[in-house]
N, C-alpha and C. Protein backbone atom coordinates (compact mmCIF):
# COMPACT_ATOMS: atom_id res chain seq x y z
N MET A 1 -7.95 5.44 6.60
CA MET A 1 -6.76 4.88 7.21
C MET A 1 -5.59 5.84 6.98
N ALA A 2 -5.02 6.31 8.05
CA ALA A 2 -3.88 7.22 7.96
C ALA A 2 -2.58 6.43 7.92
N LEU A 3 -1.74 6.77 6.97
CA LEU A 3 -0.43 6.13 6.87
C LEU A 3 0.65 7.08 7.36
N LYS A 4 1.62 6.50 8.08
CA LYS A 4 2.76 7.28 8.56
C LYS A 4 3.98 6.90 7.72
N PRO A 5 4.66 7.87 7.12
CA PRO A 5 5.86 7.56 6.35
C PRO A 5 6.98 7.03 7.24
N VAL A 6 7.68 6.02 6.74
CA VAL A 6 8.82 5.46 7.46
C VAL A 6 10.10 5.82 6.71
N ALA A 7 10.15 5.49 5.42
CA ALA A 7 11.36 5.77 4.64
C ALA A 7 11.06 5.64 3.15
N GLU A 8 11.85 6.37 2.37
CA GLU A 8 11.89 6.21 0.91
C GLU A 8 13.35 6.06 0.55
N TYR A 9 13.65 5.09 -0.28
CA TYR A 9 15.04 4.88 -0.67
C TYR A 9 15.11 4.13 -1.99
N ASP A 10 16.28 4.18 -2.61
CA ASP A 10 16.54 3.46 -3.86
C ASP A 10 17.52 2.33 -3.56
N GLU A 11 17.23 1.17 -4.14
CA GLU A 11 18.10 0.00 -3.95
C GLU A 11 17.93 -0.95 -5.13
N ASN A 12 19.03 -1.42 -5.67
CA ASN A 12 19.02 -2.37 -6.78
C ASN A 12 18.17 -1.90 -7.95
N GLY A 13 18.23 -0.60 -8.24
CA GLY A 13 17.50 -0.05 -9.38
C GLY A 13 16.01 0.15 -9.15
N HIS A 14 15.56 0.06 -7.91
CA HIS A 14 14.15 0.24 -7.58
C HIS A 14 13.98 1.32 -6.52
N HIS A 15 12.82 1.97 -6.55
CA HIS A 15 12.49 2.97 -5.53
C HIS A 15 11.47 2.35 -4.56
N PHE A 16 11.79 2.38 -3.28
CA PHE A 16 10.93 1.82 -2.24
C PHE A 16 10.33 2.94 -1.41
N ASP A 17 9.03 2.86 -1.17
CA ASP A 17 8.32 3.80 -0.30
C ASP A 17 7.66 2.96 0.79
N VAL A 18 8.10 3.14 2.03
CA VAL A 18 7.65 2.32 3.15
C VAL A 18 6.86 3.18 4.13
N GLN A 19 5.68 2.70 4.50
CA GLN A 19 4.81 3.39 5.45
C GLN A 19 4.17 2.36 6.37
N ILE A 20 3.63 2.84 7.51
CA ILE A 20 2.88 1.95 8.39
C ILE A 20 1.51 2.58 8.66
N ASP A 21 0.54 1.73 9.02
CA ASP A 21 -0.78 2.25 9.37
C ASP A 21 -1.00 2.11 10.86
N GLU A 22 -2.18 2.54 11.33
CA GLU A 22 -2.45 2.54 12.77
C GLU A 22 -2.54 1.14 13.37
N ASP A 23 -2.70 0.12 12.51
CA ASP A 23 -2.73 -1.27 12.99
C ASP A 23 -1.35 -1.93 12.90
N SER A 24 -0.32 -1.14 12.62
CA SER A 24 1.07 -1.58 12.50
C SER A 24 1.32 -2.48 11.29
N LYS A 25 0.44 -2.43 10.30
CA LYS A 25 0.71 -3.11 9.03
C LYS A 25 1.70 -2.25 8.27
N VAL A 26 2.60 -2.91 7.56
CA VAL A 26 3.62 -2.23 6.78
C VAL A 26 3.15 -2.18 5.32
N HIS A 27 3.21 -0.99 4.73
CA HIS A 27 2.82 -0.79 3.34
C HIS A 27 4.09 -0.49 2.54
N VAL A 28 4.38 -1.32 1.54
CA VAL A 28 5.59 -1.14 0.73
C VAL A 28 5.18 -0.97 -0.73
N ALA A 29 5.53 0.18 -1.30
CA ALA A 29 5.31 0.42 -2.73
C ALA A 29 6.67 0.40 -3.43
N VAL A 30 6.74 -0.32 -4.53
CA VAL A 30 7.99 -0.42 -5.29
C VAL A 30 7.78 0.24 -6.64
N ASP A 31 8.64 1.20 -6.96
CA ASP A 31 8.60 1.89 -8.25
C ASP A 31 7.25 2.53 -8.55
N GLY A 32 6.58 3.05 -7.53
CA GLY A 32 5.32 3.75 -7.72
C GLY A 32 4.10 2.86 -7.90
N ALA A 33 4.27 1.56 -7.81
CA ALA A 33 3.13 0.64 -7.93
C ALA A 33 2.29 0.70 -6.66
N LYS A 34 1.11 0.12 -6.72
CA LYS A 34 0.24 0.07 -5.55
C LYS A 34 0.97 -0.65 -4.41
N ALA A 35 0.83 -0.14 -3.21
CA ALA A 35 1.54 -0.70 -2.05
C ALA A 35 0.99 -2.07 -1.68
N SER A 36 1.88 -2.97 -1.33
CA SER A 36 1.51 -4.28 -0.78
C SER A 36 1.56 -4.16 0.73
N LYS A 37 0.61 -4.82 1.40
CA LYS A 37 0.54 -4.76 2.87
C LYS A 37 1.13 -6.03 3.47
N GLY A 38 1.90 -5.82 4.55
CA GLY A 38 2.50 -6.97 5.21
C GLY A 38 2.72 -6.70 6.69
N TYR A 39 3.36 -7.66 7.32
CA TYR A 39 3.61 -7.61 8.75
C TYR A 39 5.11 -7.76 8.99
N TYR A 40 5.65 -6.95 9.90
CA TYR A 40 7.07 -7.01 10.24
C TYR A 40 7.30 -8.14 11.23
N LEU A 41 8.12 -9.10 10.83
CA LEU A 41 8.44 -10.25 11.68
C LEU A 41 9.91 -10.61 11.51
N GLY A 42 10.64 -10.54 12.59
CA GLY A 42 12.03 -11.02 12.59
C GLY A 42 12.94 -10.42 11.54
N GLY A 43 12.89 -9.12 11.34
CA GLY A 43 13.82 -8.48 10.42
C GLY A 43 13.36 -8.39 8.99
N GLU A 44 12.17 -8.89 8.68
CA GLU A 44 11.66 -8.77 7.33
C GLU A 44 10.16 -8.55 7.35
N VAL A 45 9.63 -8.09 6.23
CA VAL A 45 8.20 -7.89 6.10
C VAL A 45 7.63 -9.09 5.35
N ARG A 46 6.60 -9.68 5.90
CA ARG A 46 5.94 -10.83 5.26
C ARG A 46 4.61 -10.37 4.69
N PHE A 47 4.39 -10.71 3.44
CA PHE A 47 3.22 -10.26 2.71
C PHE A 47 2.26 -11.42 2.48
N PRO A 48 1.09 -11.42 3.14
CA PRO A 48 0.12 -12.51 2.94
C PRO A 48 -0.30 -12.69 1.48
N LYS A 49 -0.38 -11.58 0.73
CA LYS A 49 -0.78 -11.66 -0.68
C LYS A 49 0.40 -11.47 -1.62
N GLY A 50 1.61 -11.39 -1.07
CA GLY A 50 2.82 -11.27 -1.88
C GLY A 50 3.08 -9.86 -2.38
N ILE A 51 4.28 -9.70 -2.93
CA ILE A 51 4.71 -8.45 -3.55
C ILE A 51 5.50 -8.85 -4.79
N THR A 52 5.35 -8.08 -5.87
CA THR A 52 6.04 -8.39 -7.12
C THR A 52 7.13 -7.36 -7.38
N ILE A 53 8.35 -7.86 -7.59
CA ILE A 53 9.50 -7.03 -7.92
C ILE A 53 10.20 -7.67 -9.10
N ASP A 54 10.41 -6.92 -10.16
CA ASP A 54 11.03 -7.44 -11.40
C ASP A 54 10.27 -8.65 -11.95
N GLY A 55 8.97 -8.65 -11.80
CA GLY A 55 8.17 -9.76 -12.31
C GLY A 55 8.24 -11.01 -11.46
N LYS A 56 8.93 -10.94 -10.34
CA LYS A 56 9.06 -12.10 -9.44
C LYS A 56 8.18 -11.89 -8.22
N PHE A 57 7.42 -12.89 -7.88
CA PHE A 57 6.50 -12.87 -6.76
C PHE A 57 7.24 -13.28 -5.50
N LYS A 58 7.18 -12.43 -4.46
CA LYS A 58 7.87 -12.73 -3.19
C LYS A 58 6.86 -12.67 -2.05
N MET A 59 7.03 -13.52 -1.09
CA MET A 59 6.16 -13.53 0.09
C MET A 59 6.78 -12.78 1.26
N SER A 60 8.09 -12.52 1.20
CA SER A 60 8.74 -11.76 2.27
C SER A 60 9.89 -10.95 1.67
N LEU A 61 10.28 -9.92 2.40
CA LEU A 61 11.30 -9.01 1.90
C LEU A 61 12.00 -8.35 3.08
N ALA A 62 13.34 -8.39 3.08
CA ALA A 62 14.12 -7.65 4.06
C ALA A 62 14.32 -6.25 3.48
N LEU A 63 14.07 -5.22 4.28
CA LEU A 63 14.15 -3.84 3.81
C LEU A 63 15.41 -3.16 4.33
N ALA A 64 15.95 -2.24 3.53
CA ALA A 64 17.16 -1.51 3.91
C ALA A 64 16.89 -0.50 5.03
N CYS A 65 15.62 -0.25 5.34
CA CYS A 65 15.28 0.73 6.38
C CYS A 65 14.82 0.03 7.66
N ASP A 66 15.44 -1.09 7.99
CA ASP A 66 15.02 -1.89 9.14
C ASP A 66 15.00 -1.10 10.45
N ALA A 67 16.04 -0.33 10.72
CA ALA A 67 16.10 0.43 11.98
C ALA A 67 14.97 1.46 12.05
N GLU A 68 14.72 2.16 10.93
CA GLU A 68 13.65 3.15 10.89
C GLU A 68 12.28 2.49 11.07
N LEU A 69 12.11 1.32 10.47
CA LEU A 69 10.86 0.59 10.58
C LEU A 69 10.61 0.13 12.02
N GLN A 70 11.63 -0.38 12.67
CA GLN A 70 11.49 -0.80 14.07
C GLN A 70 11.11 0.39 14.96
N ALA A 71 11.77 1.54 14.73
CA ALA A 71 11.48 2.73 15.54
C ALA A 71 10.04 3.21 15.30
N ALA A 72 9.60 3.20 14.05
CA ALA A 72 8.23 3.65 13.74
C ALA A 72 7.19 2.72 14.35
N LEU A 73 7.44 1.42 14.31
CA LEU A 73 6.49 0.47 14.91
C LEU A 73 6.47 0.61 16.42
N ALA A 74 7.62 0.85 17.05
CA ALA A 74 7.67 1.01 18.50
C ALA A 74 6.92 2.27 18.93
N ALA A 75 6.95 3.30 18.10
CA ALA A 75 6.26 4.56 18.43
C ALA A 75 4.78 4.54 18.08
N ASN A 76 4.37 3.52 17.36
CA ASN A 76 2.97 3.46 16.87
C ASN A 76 2.06 3.12 17.98
């Protein structure tokens, strides 16, 4: 599975690495941890298996690279 880089950025003391795959799934790695896979819906990424940030389990996350993510998905 080939991943296409979308953006890397720092926010709220965390490093985010965002990529997409050929099926348009969004892969988000926080602080170098294993990436969680999700789907972009309505301005946020929803994670069927969740993502953990600061020990808190989240099912969805709005990303600071929304414009870049939309452009990458449109080009996919």
